[in-house]
Amino acid sequence: MMTASPAHAFALIAPHTDLFIQLRRDIHQQPELAFQEHLTRDLVADKLESWGYTVERGLGGTGVVGQLRRGASPRRLGLRADMDALPIEEATGLDYASRRPGVMHACGHDGHTAMLLCAARALAQSDEFSGTLNLVFQPAEEYGTDDSGAMRMIADGLFEKYPCDAIFAMHNMPGWPQGHLVFREGPMMASSDKVYITLEGTGGHGALPHKAADPVVAAASLVMALQTIVSRNVDPLATAVISVGVLQAGQANNVIPQSARLELSVRTLDSKVRQDVEQRITTLAHAQAEGYGVKATVDYRRGYAVLVNSPAETALARQVGLELVGAGQMTDQGPALTGSEDFAYMLERCPGSYLLIGNGAGEQPGACMVHNPGYDFNDDNIGIGAAYWVHLTQRFLAK
């Protein structure tokens, strides 16, 4: 059996790094929103085909899968990168800034795509692994619902057409030192649910409140009551976040409105906690409404699931990181995040692991924050990220 070499992984990547930095910047200039990634889809597919991959375009709408087979091993590995941008007006001032008003790669998906393409080229030139490599370029990670790019690719038969023994993904993370690798076994990212609560009362004149049923007072009370769910109904050692982002009611200061509307964001790191929080929000909304003489309607919409990294695959991911960058440039068990990722759905169907690569602090305001107009992917990560994918592939599909 061949022992994969980190030095060899870097050697395969080094001649092409500058090319893929430029490719990343080209993608950055032409950002595309969820399920609109037509230019990116074609760029990815054309590159993979030119390197000898068998390619399927359009899986999940605008997704791409490239498959490369070497040798006779039955082992099958999946690597995934996301491709979509966000509806944000860029304010970086970069010479390769977005050319599309109101759309930018503010989360680094341009970098994720470039890293995996860089690895794909290097692996196409290597015969030092045996098995099947499935490269998954996914649309619409930012879609935010259970009809996201991951779910559509799965529904289109991703794992039936391209079975994987394990699947991995990587995301840049501002705030960690550039190139630092962060791993975590178990729950890594939170579920993400949206809740819409309508309180229906009886409108009336502000001078005669006793003749109305005021949904504004009920809404105000409900906002405060919702804060007790995390502090009094969730285990203090568990994690949950309930945020009321919208409270809308009325149009005139002397009119008690007919209705009030609340919109909530709910995040948890455990499926049982998620279920309990949903039940408590629903119960509390109806109870508060009844106490104020109004009626509550609760529309609870589940979004992304909890992202859970499997133990064996995370152990391998850590070992690859240790061999590649050394213990000083990695964190074995990083903190869980309350952000969400639809890679969670892929991990529900296939064991695997999701890791982070530090993007640095950034010199410009906002550069160290994803989903920010000033954010920019750190191009120094192209080589490290691509070398990681090469070394992981050679370890997982070792001859």
Protein backbone atom coordinates (compact mmCIF):
# COMPACT_ATOMS: atom_id res chain seq x y z
CA MET A 1 0.00 0.00 0.00
CA MET A 2 1.32 3.45 -0.93
CA THR A 3 1.79 6.02 1.83
CA ALA A 4 0.37 9.35 0.71
CA SER A 5 2.80 12.24 1.01
CA PRO A 6 1.77 15.80 1.99
CA ALA A 7 4.88 17.09 0.21
CA HIS A 8 3.73 15.36 -2.97
CA ALA A 9 0.25 16.93 -2.58
CA PHE A 10 1.78 20.41 -2.39
CA ALA A 11 4.09 19.60 -5.30
CA LEU A 12 1.10 18.65 -7.48
CA ILE A 13 -0.69 21.88 -6.57
CA ALA A 14 2.17 24.38 -6.70
CA PRO A 15 2.52 24.80 -10.51
CA HIS A 16 -1.17 25.70 -10.86
CA THR A 17 -1.94 27.83 -7.79
CA ASP A 18 -1.70 31.20 -9.52
CA LEU A 19 -3.98 29.98 -12.31
CA PHE A 20 -6.69 29.08 -9.83
CA ILE A 21 -6.31 32.29 -7.88
CA GLN A 22 -7.12 34.08 -11.12
CA LEU A 23 -9.99 31.68 -11.79
CA ARG A 24 -11.37 32.41 -8.33
CA ARG A 25 -11.27 36.14 -9.09
CA ASP A 26 -12.99 35.57 -12.43
CA ILE A 27 -15.81 33.73 -10.62
CA HIS A 28 -15.93 36.55 -8.07
CA GLN A 29 -16.56 39.09 -10.83
CA GLN A 30 -19.53 37.09 -12.15
CA PRO A 31 -21.45 36.01 -9.01
CA GLU A 32 -24.70 34.11 -9.43
CA LEU A 33 -27.54 33.60 -6.97
CA ALA A 34 -29.09 30.27 -5.96
CA PHE A 35 -30.14 28.10 -8.92
CA GLN A 36 -28.85 30.76 -11.33
CA GLU A 37 -25.23 29.49 -11.41
CA HIS A 38 -25.23 28.88 -15.17
CA LEU A 39 -21.88 30.50 -15.97
CA THR A 40 -20.23 28.85 -12.96
CA ARG A 41 -21.79 25.48 -13.81
CA ASP A 42 -20.44 25.60 -17.35
CA LEU A 43 -17.00 26.81 -16.27
CA VAL A 44 -16.70 23.95 -13.75
CA ALA A 45 -18.05 21.32 -16.13
CA ASP A 46 -15.84 22.43 -19.03
CA LYS A 47 -12.72 22.32 -16.84
CA LEU A 48 -13.52 18.87 -15.47
CA GLU A 49 -14.25 17.46 -18.92
CA SER A 50 -10.99 18.85 -20.28
CA TRP A 51 -9.10 17.01 -17.52
CA GLY A 52 -10.74 13.66 -18.26
CA TYR A 53 -13.58 13.54 -15.73
CA THR A 54 -16.95 12.05 -16.58
CA VAL A 55 -19.29 14.98 -16.00
CA GLU A 56 -23.01 15.43 -15.36
CA ARG A 57 -24.41 18.95 -15.64
CA GLY A 58 -27.70 20.08 -14.15
CA LEU A 59 -28.03 17.71 -11.19
CA GLY A 60 -30.22 19.56 -8.70
CA GLY A 61 -30.87 22.27 -11.28
CA THR A 62 -27.45 23.88 -11.76
CA GLY A 63 -25.21 21.41 -9.97
CA VAL A 64 -22.24 19.55 -11.47
CA VAL A 65 -20.73 16.18 -10.60
CA GLY A 66 -17.35 15.11 -11.97
CA GLN A 67 -16.25 11.51 -11.57
CA LEU A 68 -12.73 10.11 -11.93
CA ARG A 69 -11.85 6.43 -11.62
CA ARG A 70 -8.44 4.94 -11.02
CA GLY A 71 -7.43 1.31 -10.50
CA ALA A 72 -9.68 -1.49 -9.25
CA SER A 73 -10.48 -0.48 -5.66
CA PRO A 74 -14.20 -0.38 -4.79
CA ARG A 75 -13.64 2.59 -2.46
CA ARG A 76 -15.63 5.74 -3.28
CA LEU A 77 -14.94 9.26 -2.04
CA GLY A 78 -17.06 12.40 -2.34
CA LEU A 79 -15.76 15.98 -2.09
CA ARG A 80 -18.21 18.87 -2.19
CA ALA A 81 -17.92 22.61 -2.90
CA ASP A 82 -20.72 25.20 -3.06
CA MET A 83 -21.01 27.73 -5.90
CA ASP A 84 -23.70 30.35 -5.23
CA ALA A 85 -23.40 33.99 -4.19
CA LEU A 86 -25.52 36.31 -2.04
CA PRO A 87 -27.85 39.29 -2.72
CA ILE A 88 -25.38 41.82 -1.26
CA GLU A 89 -23.94 44.96 -2.81
CA GLU A 90 -20.15 44.62 -2.75
CA ALA A 91 -18.13 47.35 -1.01
CA THR A 92 -14.59 45.96 -1.09
CA GLY A 93 -13.11 48.35 -3.67
CA LEU A 94 -11.15 45.43 -5.16
CA ASP A 95 -10.11 45.58 -8.80
CA TYR A 96 -11.82 42.22 -9.29
CA ALA A 97 -15.02 43.21 -7.47
CA SER A 98 -18.41 41.97 -8.61
CA ARG A 99 -19.61 43.28 -11.95
CA ARG A 100 -23.21 42.51 -11.03
CA PRO A 101 -25.02 45.13 -8.93
CA GLY A 102 -26.52 43.70 -5.77
CA VAL A 103 -24.84 40.29 -6.01
CA MET A 104 -21.49 39.24 -4.55
CA HIS A 105 -19.54 36.25 -3.32
CA ALA A 106 -19.73 37.36 0.30
CA CYS A 107 -19.26 33.89 1.80
CA GLY A 108 -16.27 32.52 -0.11
CA HIS A 109 -18.02 30.02 -2.35
CA ASP A 110 -15.89 31.31 -5.22
CA GLY A 111 -12.86 30.20 -3.19
CA HIS A 112 -14.38 26.82 -2.32
CA THR A 113 -15.03 26.15 -6.01
CA ALA A 114 -11.51 27.24 -7.01
CA MET A 115 -9.89 25.06 -4.32
CA LEU A 116 -11.73 21.95 -5.44
CA LEU A 117 -11.06 22.66 -9.12
CA CYS A 118 -7.37 23.12 -8.37
CA ALA A 119 -7.34 19.75 -6.60
CA ALA A 120 -9.31 18.20 -9.45
CA ARG A 121 -6.67 19.18 -11.98
CA ALA A 122 -3.85 17.84 -9.83
CA LEU A 123 -5.64 14.56 -9.17
CA ALA A 124 -6.37 14.11 -12.87
CA GLN A 125 -2.60 14.11 -13.41
CA SER A 126 -1.98 11.59 -10.63
CA ASP A 127 -2.27 7.80 -10.66
CA GLU A 128 -1.35 7.47 -7.00
CA PHE A 129 -4.79 6.43 -5.79
CA SER A 130 -7.21 3.64 -6.57
CA GLY A 131 -10.99 3.95 -6.47
CA THR A 132 -13.71 6.39 -7.50
CA LEU A 133 -13.56 10.12 -6.84
CA ASN A 134 -16.85 12.05 -7.01
CA LEU A 135 -16.52 15.84 -7.06
CA VAL A 136 -19.82 17.53 -6.16
CA PHE A 137 -20.20 21.21 -7.12
CA GLN A 138 -23.44 22.23 -5.43
CA PRO A 139 -25.76 25.15 -6.18
CA ALA A 140 -27.92 27.13 -3.78
CA GLU A 141 -26.30 26.53 -0.39
CA GLU A 142 -27.52 30.00 0.60
CA TYR A 143 -31.13 29.17 -0.30
CA GLY A 144 -32.05 28.67 3.35
CA THR A 145 -34.86 26.12 3.01
CA ASP A 146 -35.15 22.34 2.82
CA ASP A 147 -35.48 22.80 -0.96
CA SER A 148 -31.85 23.92 -1.13
CA GLY A 149 -29.17 22.82 -3.57
CA ALA A 150 -28.11 19.85 -1.44
CA MET A 151 -31.66 18.54 -1.16
CA ARG A 152 -32.33 18.98 -4.87
CA MET A 153 -29.14 17.13 -5.80
CA ILE A 154 -30.07 14.33 -3.39
CA ALA A 155 -33.61 14.22 -4.81
CA ASP A 156 -32.12 13.99 -8.30
CA GLY A 157 -30.28 10.82 -7.25
CA LEU A 158 -26.86 12.11 -6.18
CA PHE A 159 -26.00 9.17 -3.96
CA GLU A 160 -27.71 6.59 -6.18
CA LYS A 161 -25.80 7.73 -9.27
CA TYR A 162 -22.57 8.53 -7.43
CA PRO A 163 -22.38 6.35 -4.30
CA CYS A 164 -19.85 7.50 -1.71
CA ASP A 165 -18.38 5.66 1.25
CA ALA A 166 -17.69 9.08 2.76
CA ILE A 167 -18.13 12.72 1.77
CA PHE A 168 -16.27 15.82 2.93
CA ALA A 169 -16.64 19.59 2.58
CA MET A 170 -14.63 22.65 3.64
CA HIS A 171 -15.63 26.24 4.43
CA ASN A 172 -13.44 29.28 4.95
CA MET A 173 -13.83 30.90 8.36
CA PRO A 174 -12.82 34.53 9.05
CA GLY A 175 -11.43 35.09 12.53
CA TRP A 176 -9.22 32.01 12.49
CA PRO A 177 -5.60 32.46 11.30
CA GLN A 178 -5.21 32.08 7.54
CA GLY A 179 -4.74 28.43 6.62
CA HIS A 180 -5.54 27.13 10.11
CA LEU A 181 -7.66 23.95 9.90
CA VAL A 182 -10.52 23.41 12.36
CA PHE A 183 -12.19 20.03 12.93
CA ARG A 184 -15.05 18.90 15.14
CA GLU A 185 -16.59 15.50 15.77
CA GLY A 186 -20.35 15.47 16.38
CA PRO A 187 -22.71 18.43 15.98
CA MET A 188 -20.83 21.16 14.12
CA MET A 189 -23.49 23.56 12.83
CA ALA A 190 -27.02 24.32 13.95
CA SER A 191 -30.40 23.64 12.46
CA SER A 192 -32.14 26.71 11.07
CA ASP A 193 -35.90 27.18 11.29
CA LYS A 194 -38.21 30.09 10.51
CA VAL A 195 -41.40 30.82 12.44
CA TYR A 196 -44.22 33.15 11.40
CA ILE A 197 -46.72 34.06 14.11
CA THR A 198 -49.85 36.09 13.41
CA LEU A 199 -51.86 37.51 16.30
CA GLU A 200 -55.41 38.36 15.25
CA GLY A 201 -57.35 40.71 17.50
CA THR A 202 -60.09 43.31 17.17
CA GLY A 203 -59.07 46.70 15.85
CA GLY A 204 -60.41 49.94 17.25
CA HIS A 205 -59.83 53.56 18.17
CA GLY A 206 -56.81 54.23 20.33
CA ALA A 207 -59.03 56.31 22.65
CA LEU A 208 -61.30 53.32 23.33
CA PRO A 209 -58.94 50.38 24.01
CA HIS A 210 -61.50 48.58 26.17
CA LYS A 211 -63.61 47.99 23.05
CA ALA A 212 -60.75 46.34 21.15
CA ALA A 213 -58.59 43.22 21.55
CA ASP A 214 -55.07 44.61 21.17
CA PRO A 215 -52.64 42.33 19.27
CA VAL A 216 -49.75 44.77 19.85
CA VAL A 217 -49.79 44.27 23.62
CA ALA A 218 -50.03 40.50 23.07
CA ALA A 219 -47.11 40.64 20.63
CA ALA A 220 -44.97 42.63 23.05
CA SER A 221 -45.67 40.14 25.81
CA LEU A 222 -44.97 37.22 23.51
CA VAL A 223 -41.57 38.63 22.49
CA MET A 224 -40.54 38.67 26.15
CA ALA A 225 -42.08 35.29 26.91
CA LEU A 226 -40.20 33.65 24.03
CA GLN A 227 -36.92 34.60 25.70
CA THR A 228 -37.73 32.26 28.59
CA ILE A 229 -37.67 29.17 26.37
CA VAL A 230 -33.88 29.07 26.12
CA SER A 231 -33.33 30.14 29.75
CA ARG A 232 -36.01 27.92 31.33
CA ASN A 233 -36.93 25.07 28.95
CA VAL A 234 -33.59 24.14 27.36
CA ASP A 235 -30.85 22.28 29.24
CA PRO A 236 -28.19 24.88 30.18
CA LEU A 237 -25.55 22.59 28.65
CA ALA A 238 -27.42 22.46 25.34
CA THR A 239 -27.57 25.20 22.69
CA ALA A 240 -30.56 27.06 21.28
CA VAL A 241 -31.08 30.52 19.83
CA ILE A 242 -34.47 32.20 19.38
CA SER A 243 -34.40 35.63 17.74
CA VAL A 244 -37.43 37.79 16.90
CA GLY A 245 -36.29 39.60 13.79
CA VAL A 246 -39.62 41.11 12.72
CA LEU A 247 -42.52 42.61 14.63
CA GLN A 248 -45.02 44.40 12.41
CA ALA A 249 -48.32 45.98 13.47
CA GLY A 250 -50.39 49.02 12.69
CA GLN A 251 -50.02 52.14 10.58
CA ALA A 252 -51.45 54.97 12.67
CA ASN A 253 -50.65 55.98 16.25
CA ASN A 254 -54.29 56.43 17.22
CA VAL A 255 -55.55 53.12 15.82
CA ILE A 256 -55.35 49.73 17.53
CA PRO A 257 -54.58 47.40 14.63
CA GLN A 258 -56.46 44.26 13.75
CA SER A 259 -53.36 42.06 13.71
CA ALA A 260 -49.66 41.82 14.52
CA ARG A 261 -47.01 39.64 12.91
CA LEU A 262 -43.80 38.21 14.34
CA GLU A 263 -41.03 36.42 12.43
CA LEU A 264 -38.50 34.30 14.31
CA SER A 265 -35.19 32.62 13.59
CA VAL A 266 -34.62 29.43 15.61
CA ARG A 267 -31.35 27.48 15.81
CA THR A 268 -30.39 24.37 17.78
CA LEU A 269 -27.56 21.83 17.84
CA ASP A 270 -29.65 18.78 18.78
CA SER A 271 -32.68 17.22 17.11
CA LYS A 272 -34.48 16.62 20.43
CA VAL A 273 -33.89 20.22 21.53
CA ARG A 274 -35.15 21.33 18.13
CA GLN A 275 -38.38 19.38 18.61
CA ASP A 276 -38.87 20.68 22.16
CA VAL A 277 -38.28 24.31 21.14
CA GLU A 278 -40.81 24.01 18.31
CA GLN A 279 -43.41 22.65 20.72
CA ARG A 280 -42.75 25.36 23.33
CA ILE A 281 -42.94 28.21 20.80
CA THR A 282 -46.26 26.91 19.52
CA THR A 283 -47.72 26.37 22.99
CA LEU A 284 -46.50 29.72 24.30
CA ALA A 285 -47.85 31.65 21.32
CA HIS A 286 -51.34 30.23 21.75
CA ALA A 287 -51.28 30.66 25.54
CA GLN A 288 -50.12 34.27 25.38
CA ALA A 289 -52.68 35.08 22.72
CA GLU A 290 -55.51 33.57 24.73
CA GLY A 291 -54.42 35.51 27.81
CA TYR A 292 -54.83 38.78 25.90
CA GLY A 293 -58.06 37.86 24.15
CA VAL A 294 -56.58 37.43 20.68
CA LYS A 295 -55.96 34.42 18.43
CA ALA A 296 -52.56 33.06 17.37
CA THR A 297 -51.68 31.30 14.13
CA VAL A 298 -48.22 29.68 14.07
CA ASP A 299 -46.51 28.75 10.81
CA TYR A 300 -43.36 26.82 11.80
CA ARG A 301 -41.08 26.07 8.84
CA ARG A 302 -38.13 23.76 9.32
CA GLY A 303 -34.99 24.69 7.42
CA TYR A 304 -31.53 23.14 7.43
CA ALA A 305 -30.90 20.19 9.74
CA VAL A 306 -28.20 19.95 12.40
CA LEU A 307 -24.86 19.22 10.72
CA VAL A 308 -23.25 16.21 12.45
CA ASN A 309 -19.73 15.00 11.64
CA SER A 310 -19.22 11.23 11.97
CA PRO A 311 -16.39 10.01 14.24
CA ALA A 312 -14.29 7.83 11.92
CA GLU A 313 -14.36 10.29 9.03
CA THR A 314 -13.52 13.21 11.32
CA ALA A 315 -10.60 11.24 12.74
CA LEU A 316 -9.29 10.72 9.19
CA ALA A 317 -9.85 14.39 8.35
CA ARG A 318 -7.82 15.38 11.43
CA GLN A 319 -5.02 12.97 10.53
CA VAL A 320 -4.81 14.43 7.02
CA GLY A 321 -4.64 17.93 8.52
CA LEU A 322 -1.93 16.90 10.97
CA GLU A 323 0.19 15.43 8.19
CA LEU A 324 -0.38 18.41 5.92
CA VAL A 325 0.06 21.46 8.19
CA GLY A 326 1.13 20.10 11.59
CA ALA A 327 -0.44 20.35 15.04
CA GLY A 328 0.36 24.06 15.40
CA GLN A 329 -1.88 24.98 12.46
CA MET A 330 -4.97 22.99 13.38
CA THR A 331 -7.60 22.64 16.08
CA ASP A 332 -8.73 19.09 16.85
CA GLN A 333 -12.13 19.91 18.34
CA GLY A 334 -13.26 23.40 17.51
CA PRO A 335 -16.42 25.05 18.87
CA ALA A 336 -19.81 24.32 17.37
CA LEU A 337 -21.33 27.10 15.27
CA THR A 338 -24.89 28.40 15.37
CA GLY A 339 -24.79 29.15 11.65
CA SER A 340 -26.31 26.55 9.32
CA GLU A 341 -25.25 24.54 6.27
CA ASP A 342 -27.21 22.32 3.90
CA PHE A 343 -24.25 19.91 3.71
CA ALA A 344 -26.05 18.58 6.80
CA TYR A 345 -28.48 16.77 4.48
CA MET A 346 -25.63 14.99 2.69
CA LEU A 347 -24.20 13.90 6.05
CA GLU A 348 -27.60 12.47 7.00
CA ARG A 349 -27.26 10.09 4.05
CA CYS A 350 -23.54 9.44 3.99
CA PRO A 351 -20.86 9.50 6.71
CA GLY A 352 -18.38 12.32 6.41
CA SER A 353 -16.99 15.49 7.91
CA TYR A 354 -17.17 19.26 7.42
CA LEU A 355 -14.08 21.26 8.29
CA LEU A 356 -13.04 24.91 8.38
CA ILE A 357 -10.02 26.70 6.96
CA GLY A 358 -9.08 30.01 8.58
CA ASN A 359 -9.49 33.07 6.37
CA GLY A 360 -7.51 35.44 8.61
CA ALA A 361 -8.64 38.64 10.31
CA GLY A 362 -8.67 40.89 7.24
CA GLU A 363 -7.29 44.41 6.97
CA GLN A 364 -10.44 46.17 5.72
CA PRO A 365 -13.63 46.73 7.77
CA GLY A 366 -15.94 43.77 7.20
CA ALA A 367 -13.25 41.67 5.50
CA CYS A 368 -13.22 39.35 8.51
CA MET A 369 -16.98 38.70 8.36
CA VAL A 370 -18.85 36.48 5.93
CA HIS A 371 -22.15 37.83 4.56
CA ASN A 372 -20.64 41.32 4.72
CA PRO A 373 -20.22 43.81 1.84
CA GLY A 374 -16.52 44.14 2.68
CA TYR A 375 -15.71 40.43 2.81
CA ASP A 376 -13.05 38.88 0.57
CA PHE A 377 -11.77 35.31 0.35
CA ASN A 378 -8.08 34.92 1.19
CA ASP A 379 -6.34 33.67 -1.96
CA ASP A 380 -3.50 32.18 0.10
CA ASN A 381 -5.98 29.42 0.98
CA ILE A 382 -6.28 28.16 -2.59
CA GLY A 383 -3.05 26.18 -2.40
CA ILE A 384 -3.58 24.87 1.15
CA GLY A 385 -7.21 23.93 0.55
CA ALA A 386 -6.44 22.19 -2.74
CA ALA A 387 -3.47 20.33 -1.23
CA TYR A 388 -5.75 19.18 1.59
CA TRP A 389 -8.21 17.68 -0.91
CA VAL A 390 -5.38 15.98 -2.83
CA HIS A 391 -3.85 14.48 0.32
CA LEU A 392 -7.25 13.37 1.66
CA THR A 393 -8.02 11.67 -1.65
CA GLN A 394 -4.67 9.88 -1.73
CA ARG A 395 -5.15 8.73 1.89
CA PHE A 396 -8.77 7.64 1.50
CA LEU A 397 -8.23 5.96 -1.88
CA ALA A 398 -4.72 4.66 -1.11
CA LYS A 399 -3.46 1.90 -3.39
